Amino acid sequence: MIKITKYKLRGQSMIEVVIGLGVVVLLAISLVTTSLITQRTSRSARNNSQATKLAQETLEQIRIYRDHRGFNALSEGSCYILNATDADPLNWSLNSVAPPCPVGEAITLNSTLFNRYLIIEPDNSNANKKIITVSITWEDSAGKQNVTDQTILTKWDYI
């Protein structure tokens, strides 16, 4: 006579355990990768926002400089730094920087080093207008980044 015994299956086979661990590892890797990408994107957006604010701040300062020192104080040139550290705009100065131009005023915000400089060019269509371009450069994990803002300033007594 043949005796048949039934075995109760308990636990999981080794293949099921390995597959389960593999799925858990893949999920963990994807979560870590997503977290790192989110942090890098957030840092890049923060730096871009800071650079845009610095550019806008410089344009406002150059307007104040023009209002207090006169339109002719905006001498045309390729690379300048506006020294606006004094509270009185009459004590501000527009300093020429030797090329290469991207090496301008160094500003550190949130452990990121920004370089700020401005270019003053004539408006060829009107001698009473000048084109002001402010550039902010910095480096992050994606490489060298740049924000540029531009405005046109006019001679007030001309208008």
C-alpha atoms as a PDB file:
ATOM      1  CA  MET A   1       0.000   0.000   0.000  1.00  0.00           C
ATOM      2  CA  ILE A   2       1.216   3.477  -0.883  1.00  0.00           C
ATOM      3  CA  LYS A   3       1.041   6.047   1.798  1.00  0.00           C
ATOM      4  CA  ILE A   4       0.388   9.641   0.720  1.00  0.00           C
ATOM      5  CA  THR A   5       1.108  12.351   3.213  1.00  0.00           C
ATOM      6  CA  LYS A   6       0.061  15.916   2.955  1.00  0.00           C
ATOM      7  CA  TYR A   7       2.537  18.530   3.922  1.00  0.00           C
ATOM      8  CA  LYS A   8       1.405  21.882   5.080  1.00  0.00           C
ATOM      9  CA  LEU A   9       3.224  24.577   3.211  1.00  0.00           C
ATOM     10  CA  ARG A  10       4.621  27.105   5.594  1.00  0.00           C
ATOM     11  CA  GLY A  11       6.631  30.224   4.763  1.00  0.00           C
ATOM     12  CA  GLN A  12       7.784  31.305   1.343  1.00  0.00           C
ATOM     13  CA  SER A  13      10.187  29.852  -1.104  1.00  0.00           C
ATOM     14  CA  MET A  14      13.613  31.370  -1.604  1.00  0.00           C
ATOM     15  CA  ILE A  15      12.622  32.696  -5.060  1.00  0.00           C
ATOM     16  CA  GLU A  16       9.708  34.662  -3.612  1.00  0.00           C
ATOM     17  CA  VAL A  17      11.974  36.193  -0.971  1.00  0.00           C
ATOM     18  CA  VAL A  18      14.565  37.253  -3.566  1.00  0.00           C
ATOM     19  CA  ILE A  19      11.900  38.771  -5.832  1.00  0.00           C
ATOM     20  CA  GLY A  20      10.363  40.634  -2.886  1.00  0.00           C
ATOM     21  CA  LEU A  21      13.744  42.030  -1.831  1.00  0.00           C
ATOM     22  CA  GLY A  22      14.446  43.065  -5.415  1.00  0.00           C
ATOM     23  CA  VAL A  23      11.188  45.028  -5.583  1.00  0.00           C
ATOM     24  CA  VAL A  24      11.938  46.732  -2.257  1.00  0.00           C
ATOM     25  CA  VAL A  25      15.461  47.672  -3.418  1.00  0.00           C
ATOM     26  CA  LEU A  26      14.134  49.112  -6.703  1.00  0.00           C
ATOM     27  CA  LEU A  27      11.576  51.198  -4.819  1.00  0.00           C
ATOM     28  CA  ALA A  28      14.242  52.490  -2.423  1.00  0.00           C
ATOM     29  CA  ILE A  29      16.567  53.417  -5.284  1.00  0.00           C
ATOM     30  CA  SER A  30      13.807  55.245  -7.135  1.00  0.00           C
ATOM     31  CA  LEU A  31      12.830  57.193  -3.991  1.00  0.00           C
ATOM     32  CA  VAL A  32      16.433  58.249  -3.325  1.00  0.00           C
ATOM     33  CA  THR A  33      16.945  59.244  -6.975  1.00  0.00           C
ATOM     34  CA  THR A  34      13.729  61.275  -6.999  1.00  0.00           C
ATOM     35  CA  SER A  35      14.756  62.985  -3.770  1.00  0.00           C
ATOM     36  CA  LEU A  36      18.177  63.923  -5.170  1.00  0.00           C
ATOM     37  CA  ILE A  37      16.696  65.261  -8.417  1.00  0.00           C
ATOM     38  CA  THR A  38      14.162  67.314  -6.444  1.00  0.00           C
ATOM     39  CA  GLN A  39      16.901  68.800  -4.246  1.00  0.00           C
ATOM     40  CA  ARG A  40      19.048  69.705  -7.260  1.00  0.00           C
ATOM     41  CA  THR A  41      16.095  71.297  -9.059  1.00  0.00           C
ATOM     42  CA  SER A  42      15.130  73.227  -5.935  1.00  0.00           C
ATOM     43  CA  ARG A  43      18.695  74.510  -5.474  1.00  0.00           C
ATOM     44  CA  SER A  44      18.878  75.530  -9.135  1.00  0.00           C
ATOM     45  CA  ALA A  45      15.542  77.376  -8.914  1.00  0.00           C
ATOM     46  CA  ARG A  46      16.673  79.145  -5.714  1.00  0.00           C
ATOM     47  CA  ASN A  47      19.943  80.240  -7.346  1.00  0.00           C
ATOM     48  CA  ASN A  48      18.121  81.452 -10.455  1.00  0.00           C
ATOM     49  CA  SER A  49      15.708  83.439  -8.286  1.00  0.00           C
ATOM     50  CA  GLN A  50      18.567  84.962  -6.272  1.00  0.00           C
ATOM     51  CA  ALA A  51      20.414  85.903  -9.471  1.00  0.00           C
ATOM     52  CA  THR A  52      17.287  87.536 -10.918  1.00  0.00           C
ATOM     53  CA  LYS A  53      16.843  89.562  -7.717  1.00  0.00           C
ATOM     54  CA  LEU A  54      20.492  90.658  -7.836  1.00  0.00           C
ATOM     55  CA  ALA A  55      20.106  91.772 -11.454  1.00  0.00           C
ATOM     56  CA  GLN A  56      16.940  93.739 -10.676  1.00  0.00           C
ATOM     57  CA  GLU A  57      18.589  95.279  -7.619  1.00  0.00           C
ATOM     58  CA  THR A  58      21.520  96.432  -9.748  1.00  0.00           C
ATOM     59  CA  LEU A  59      19.231  97.997 -12.348  1.00  0.00           C
ATOM     60  CA  GLU A  60      17.412  99.913  -9.614  1.00  0.00           C
ATOM     61  CA  GLN A  61      20.733 101.050  -8.138  1.00  0.00           C
ATOM     62  CA  ILE A  62      21.993 102.240 -11.523  1.00  0.00           C
ATOM     63  CA  ARG A  63      18.764 104.248 -11.945  1.00  0.00           C
ATOM     64  CA  ILE A  64      19.375 105.874  -8.562  1.00  0.00           C
ATOM     65  CA  TYR A  65      23.003 106.502  -9.544  1.00  0.00           C
ATOM     66  CA  ARG A  66      21.849 108.201 -12.760  1.00  0.00           C
ATOM     67  CA  ASP A  67      19.262 110.298 -10.867  1.00  0.00           C
ATOM     68  CA  HIS A  68      21.834 111.539  -8.335  1.00  0.00           C
ATOM     69  CA  ARG A  69      24.960 111.837 -10.482  1.00  0.00           C
ATOM     70  CA  GLY A  70      23.432 112.724 -13.858  1.00  0.00           C
ATOM     71  CA  PHE A  71      23.097 110.928 -17.168  1.00  0.00           C
ATOM     72  CA  ASN A  72      26.677 111.726 -18.219  1.00  0.00           C
ATOM     73  CA  ALA A  73      28.037 109.867 -15.180  1.00  0.00           C
ATOM     74  CA  LEU A  74      27.052 106.658 -16.988  1.00  0.00           C
ATOM     75  CA  SER A  75      30.199 106.353 -19.046  1.00  0.00           C
ATOM     76  CA  GLU A  76      29.951 103.772 -21.760  1.00  0.00           C
ATOM     77  CA  GLY A  77      32.092 100.688 -21.413  1.00  0.00           C
ATOM     78  CA  SER A  78      32.197  96.954 -21.493  1.00  0.00           C
ATOM     79  CA  CYS A  79      32.434  95.988 -17.859  1.00  0.00           C
ATOM     80  CA  TYR A  80      31.597  97.873 -14.675  1.00  0.00           C
ATOM     81  CA  ILE A  81      30.868  97.238 -11.028  1.00  0.00           C
ATOM     82  CA  LEU A  82      28.612  99.645  -9.167  1.00  0.00           C
ATOM     83  CA  ASN A  83      29.974 100.250  -5.681  1.00  0.00           C
ATOM     84  CA  ALA A  84      26.763 101.036  -3.777  1.00  0.00           C
ATOM     85  CA  THR A  85      27.880 100.128  -0.265  1.00  0.00           C
ATOM     86  CA  ASP A  86      27.369 103.633   1.139  1.00  0.00           C
ATOM     87  CA  ALA A  87      23.872 104.690   2.218  1.00  0.00           C
ATOM     88  CA  ASP A  88      24.235 107.975   0.318  1.00  0.00           C
ATOM     89  CA  PRO A  89      23.989 107.495  -3.493  1.00  0.00           C
ATOM     90  CA  LEU A  90      26.220 110.535  -3.991  1.00  0.00           C
ATOM     91  CA  ASN A  91      29.074 108.429  -2.597  1.00  0.00           C
ATOM     92  CA  TRP A  92      28.474 105.514  -4.975  1.00  0.00           C
ATOM     93  CA  SER A  93      30.995 104.887  -7.724  1.00  0.00           C
ATOM     94  CA  LEU A  94      30.994 103.124 -11.064  1.00  0.00           C
ATOM     95  CA  ASN A  95      34.244 101.165 -11.307  1.00  0.00           C
ATOM     96  CA  SER A  96      35.642  99.726 -14.512  1.00  0.00           C
ATOM     97  CA  VAL A  97      36.746  96.089 -14.378  1.00  0.00           C
ATOM     98  CA  ALA A  98      39.520  94.681 -16.518  1.00  0.00           C
ATOM     99  CA  PRO A  99      38.538  91.883 -18.890  1.00  0.00           C
ATOM    100  CA  PRO A 100      37.467  89.121 -18.788  1.00  0.00           C
ATOM    101  CA  CYS A 101      34.147  90.638 -17.924  1.00  0.00           C
ATOM    102  CA  PRO A 102      32.417  87.726 -16.164  1.00  0.00           C
ATOM    103  CA  VAL A 103      34.762  88.241 -13.229  1.00  0.00           C
ATOM    104  CA  GLY A 104      32.870  91.049 -11.553  1.00  0.00           C
ATOM    105  CA  GLU A 105      31.658  91.759  -8.057  1.00  0.00           C
ATOM    106  CA  ALA A 106      31.652  88.555  -5.998  1.00  0.00           C
ATOM    107  CA  ILE A 107      28.546  88.040  -3.865  1.00  0.00           C
ATOM    108  CA  THR A 108      27.927  84.961  -1.724  1.00  0.00           C
ATOM    109  CA  LEU A 109      24.315  84.015  -0.962  1.00  0.00           C
ATOM    110  CA  ASN A 110      23.278  80.676   0.553  1.00  0.00           C
ATOM    111  CA  SER A 111      26.818  79.332   0.032  1.00  0.00           C
ATOM    112  CA  THR A 112      26.669  80.067  -3.717  1.00  0.00           C
ATOM    113  CA  LEU A 113      29.162  82.500  -5.244  1.00  0.00           C
ATOM    114  CA  PHE A 114      27.561  84.917  -7.713  1.00  0.00           C
ATOM    115  CA  ASN A 115      29.503  87.324  -9.953  1.00  0.00           C
ATOM    116  CA  ARG A 116      27.755  90.556 -10.923  1.00  0.00           C
ATOM    117  CA  TYR A 117      28.808  93.049 -13.565  1.00  0.00           C
ATOM    118  CA  LEU A 118      27.155  95.540 -15.879  1.00  0.00           C
ATOM    119  CA  ILE A 119      27.712  96.843 -19.371  1.00  0.00           C
ATOM    120  CA  ILE A 120      26.761 100.352 -20.494  1.00  0.00           C
ATOM    121  CA  GLU A 121      26.283 100.806 -24.244  1.00  0.00           C
ATOM    122  CA  PRO A 122      25.048 103.723 -26.331  1.00  0.00           C
ATOM    123  CA  ASP A 123      21.650 103.460 -27.980  1.00  0.00           C
ATOM    124  CA  ASN A 124      22.540 104.000 -31.622  1.00  0.00           C
ATOM    125  CA  SER A 125      19.080 105.353 -32.394  1.00  0.00           C
ATOM    126  CA  ASN A 126      19.238 108.134 -29.775  1.00  0.00           C
ATOM    127  CA  ALA A 127      22.229 109.782 -28.076  1.00  0.00           C
ATOM    128  CA  ASN A 128      20.086 110.531 -25.018  1.00  0.00           C
ATOM    129  CA  LYS A 129      19.559 106.851 -24.234  1.00  0.00           C
ATOM    130  CA  LYS A 130      21.906 104.201 -22.883  1.00  0.00           C
ATOM    131  CA  ILE A 131      21.398 100.448 -22.776  1.00  0.00           C
ATOM    132  CA  ILE A 132      22.280  98.933 -19.406  1.00  0.00           C
ATOM    133  CA  THR A 133      22.867  95.177 -19.261  1.00  0.00           C
ATOM    134  CA  VAL A 134      23.398  93.413 -15.934  1.00  0.00           C
ATOM    135  CA  SER A 135      24.779  89.877 -15.901  1.00  0.00           C
ATOM    136  CA  ILE A 136      24.893  87.524 -12.948  1.00  0.00           C
ATOM    137  CA  THR A 137      26.907  84.309 -13.280  1.00  0.00           C
ATOM    138  CA  TRP A 138      27.375  81.362 -10.934  1.00  0.00           C
ATOM    139  CA  GLU A 139      28.258  77.686 -11.011  1.00  0.00           C
ATOM    140  CA  ASP A 140      26.204  74.803  -9.719  1.00  0.00           C
ATOM    141  CA  SER A 141      25.937  71.063 -10.329  1.00  0.00           C
ATOM    142  CA  ALA A 142      24.607  71.684 -13.850  1.00  0.00           C
ATOM    143  CA  GLY A 143      27.611  73.853 -14.778  1.00  0.00           C
ATOM    144  CA  LYS A 144      27.979  77.588 -15.363  1.00  0.00           C
ATOM    145  CA  GLN A 145      24.699  79.505 -15.181  1.00  0.00           C
ATOM    146  CA  ASN A 146      23.845  83.061 -16.216  1.00  0.00           C
ATOM    147  CA  VAL A 147      20.992  85.527 -15.754  1.00  0.00           C
ATOM    148  CA  THR A 148      20.969  88.725 -17.812  1.00  0.00           C
ATOM    149  CA  ASP A 149      18.628  91.675 -17.408  1.00  0.00           C
ATOM    150  CA  GLN A 150      18.535  94.793 -19.547  1.00  0.00           C
ATOM    151  CA  THR A 151      16.983  98.242 -19.470  1.00  0.00           C
ATOM    152  CA  ILE A 152      17.255 101.544 -21.303  1.00  0.00           C
ATOM    153  CA  LEU A 153      17.973 104.695 -19.318  1.00  0.00           C
ATOM    154  CA  THR A 154      17.279 108.134 -20.751  1.00  0.00           C
ATOM    155  CA  LYS A 155      18.552 111.609 -20.088  1.00  0.00           C
ATOM    156  CA  TRP A 156      15.816 113.143 -17.929  1.00  0.00           C
ATOM    157  CA  ASP A 157      16.132 116.719 -19.143  1.00  0.00           C
ATOM    158  CA  TYR A 158      15.892 115.495 -22.725  1.00  0.00           C
ATOM    159  CA  ILE A 159      12.352 114.148 -22.255  1.00  0.00           C
END
